[in-house]
Amino acid sequence: QVQLAESGGGLVQAGGSLRLSCAASGRTFSSYAMGWFRQAPGKEREFVARIFWSGESTYYADSVKGRFTISRDSAKNTVYLQMSSLKPGDTAVYYCAAKRFVTGPTLYLKEYDYWGQGTQVTVSS
C-alpha cells in the first residue's frame, strides 16, 4: 500500500520561501513519476511540477517555472518542492501524487494513482 505524507506547509509573506516534503512508503518507486499539484479555494486542482524518480527529469507549470524546484532524495524516499518568490496567488492546498509509470504526459490528475492528504500553503501580501 503506497502512502504519501506531505509536510512543510505554513504561512509566509509574499516574496518568502517554503520547502514542502513528501515522504513516500510502501513500494519501490524507481519506475514512478512523482508530482505536486495544488488546489486554491473555489478552483480546480492543478498541476505544479513533476519528477521522474529514476532519472530526475523535471517539468513545471508555467506559473511556477523559475520560482519552484522539484527534487527527490532516493535514500530518504522523499520528494521536495522548494518554493521561492512566493506570491499570494500561490496560496493553496498542495498535494503530492505518485504515478506508477512515466508514460504519458504526467501532467493530469487522472494519470496519478496515489495521493497524499495535502498541506496548506498561505502567502500573505
Protein backbone atom coordinates (compact mmCIF):
# COMPACT_ATOMS: atom_id res chain seq x y z
CA GLN A 1 0.00 0.00 0.00
CA VAL A 2 1.54 3.26 -1.16
CA GLN A 3 1.40 6.08 1.32
CA LEU A 4 2.34 9.69 0.69
CA ALA A 5 2.68 12.16 3.53
CA GLU A 6 3.20 15.87 2.84
CA SER A 7 4.66 18.32 5.30
CA GLY A 8 6.23 21.77 5.37
CA GLY A 9 3.25 23.98 4.62
CA GLY A 10 2.52 27.13 6.55
CA LEU A 11 2.04 30.88 6.45
CA VAL A 12 4.64 33.01 4.69
CA GLN A 13 4.84 36.57 3.45
CA ALA A 14 4.95 37.38 -0.23
CA GLY A 15 8.48 37.03 -1.54
CA GLY A 16 9.33 34.36 1.01
CA SER A 17 10.20 30.70 0.65
CA LEU A 18 8.95 27.34 1.83
CA ARG A 19 10.05 23.77 1.23
CA LEU A 20 7.42 21.07 1.06
CA SER A 21 8.30 17.42 1.63
CA CYS A 22 6.51 14.27 0.52
CA ALA A 23 7.56 11.09 2.30
CA ALA A 24 6.69 8.02 0.22
CA SER A 25 6.39 4.47 1.51
CA GLY A 26 5.01 1.07 0.59
CA ARG A 27 6.71 0.47 -2.76
CA THR A 28 9.93 0.73 -4.68
CA PHE A 29 9.44 3.95 -6.60
CA SER A 30 12.15 3.67 -9.23
CA SER A 31 9.63 3.43 -12.10
CA TYR A 32 7.33 6.14 -10.75
CA ALA A 33 6.66 9.73 -11.64
CA MET A 34 6.05 11.98 -8.65
CA GLY A 35 4.01 15.12 -8.95
CA TRP A 36 2.94 18.14 -6.98
CA PHE A 37 -0.50 19.62 -7.52
CA ARG A 38 -2.34 22.41 -5.78
CA GLN A 39 -5.92 23.48 -5.19
CA ALA A 40 -6.92 27.00 -4.28
CA PRO A 41 -10.33 27.76 -2.72
CA GLY A 42 -13.06 27.57 -5.33
CA LYS A 43 -10.70 26.34 -8.03
CA GLU A 44 -9.85 23.01 -9.58
CA ARG A 45 -6.75 21.11 -8.60
CA GLU A 46 -3.90 21.98 -10.95
CA PHE A 47 -0.52 20.62 -11.91
CA VAL A 48 2.54 22.31 -10.40
CA ALA A 49 5.58 20.11 -11.08
CA ARG A 50 6.73 16.55 -11.56
CA ILE A 51 9.89 14.48 -11.46
CA PHE A 52 10.79 11.01 -12.66
CA TRP A 53 12.13 9.10 -9.71
CA SER A 54 14.76 7.28 -11.74
CA GLY A 55 16.17 9.99 -13.95
CA GLU A 56 15.30 13.29 -12.27
CA SER A 57 13.60 14.59 -15.43
CA THR A 58 11.53 17.54 -14.27
CA TYR A 59 8.67 19.59 -15.67
CA TYR A 60 6.92 22.69 -14.32
CA ALA A 61 3.74 24.62 -14.85
CA ASP A 62 4.44 27.99 -16.47
CA SER A 63 3.07 29.76 -13.40
CA VAL A 64 5.86 28.42 -11.17
CA LYS A 65 8.74 28.00 -13.60
CA GLY A 66 11.85 29.72 -12.32
CA ARG A 67 10.44 30.00 -8.78
CA PHE A 68 9.80 26.40 -7.75
CA THR A 69 12.17 23.43 -7.84
CA ILE A 70 11.17 19.79 -7.52
CA SER A 71 13.73 17.23 -6.39
CA ARG A 72 13.94 13.84 -4.78
CA ASP A 73 16.15 12.03 -2.28
CA SER A 74 16.13 8.33 -3.05
CA ALA A 75 17.81 7.37 0.21
CA LYS A 76 15.01 9.04 2.14
CA ASN A 77 12.21 8.14 -0.30
CA THR A 78 11.23 11.78 -0.20
CA VAL A 79 10.24 14.30 -2.86
CA TYR A 80 10.65 18.01 -2.23
CA LEU A 81 9.14 21.17 -3.63
CA GLN A 82 11.29 24.21 -2.94
CA MET A 83 9.16 27.31 -3.40
CA SER A 84 10.71 30.76 -3.66
CA SER A 85 9.46 34.25 -4.50
CA LEU A 86 6.06 33.20 -3.29
CA LYS A 87 3.01 35.20 -4.30
CA PRO A 88 -0.47 35.43 -2.79
CA GLY A 89 -1.68 33.55 -5.87
CA ASP A 90 0.33 30.53 -4.72
CA THR A 91 -1.99 30.13 -1.74
CA ALA A 92 -3.49 26.64 -1.95
CA VAL A 93 -3.50 23.17 -0.51
CA TYR A 94 -0.53 21.35 -2.06
CA TYR A 95 -0.80 17.65 -2.80
CA CYS A 96 1.85 15.08 -3.56
CA ALA A 97 0.94 12.35 -6.06
CA ALA A 98 2.53 9.20 -7.46
CA LYS A 99 2.06 7.69 -10.90
CA ARG A 100 3.18 4.10 -11.37
CA PHE A 101 4.73 4.59 -14.78
CA VAL A 102 6.41 7.50 -16.51
CA THR A 103 4.48 7.07 -19.77
CA GLY A 104 2.05 9.73 -20.91
CA PRO A 105 2.07 13.47 -20.29
CA THR A 106 2.25 13.10 -16.45
CA LEU A 107 0.52 16.47 -16.18
CA TYR A 108 -3.06 15.46 -15.40
CA LEU A 109 -4.76 14.44 -12.18
CA LYS A 110 -6.34 11.34 -13.67
CA GLU A 111 -2.94 9.90 -14.53
CA TYR A 112 -1.87 9.65 -10.91
CA ASP A 113 -2.58 6.57 -8.83
CA TYR A 114 -1.85 7.70 -5.28
CA TRP A 115 -2.35 10.96 -3.40
CA GLY A 116 -1.31 12.46 -0.11
CA GLN A 117 -3.62 14.30 2.25
CA GLY A 118 -2.34 17.76 1.33
CA THR A 119 -0.60 20.58 3.16
CA GLN A 120 -1.81 24.17 3.34
CA VAL A 121 0.36 26.98 1.99
CA THR A 122 -0.81 30.53 2.67
CA VAL A 123 1.04 33.52 1.23
CA SER A 124 0.14 36.89 2.72
CA SER A 125 0.57 40.17 0.85
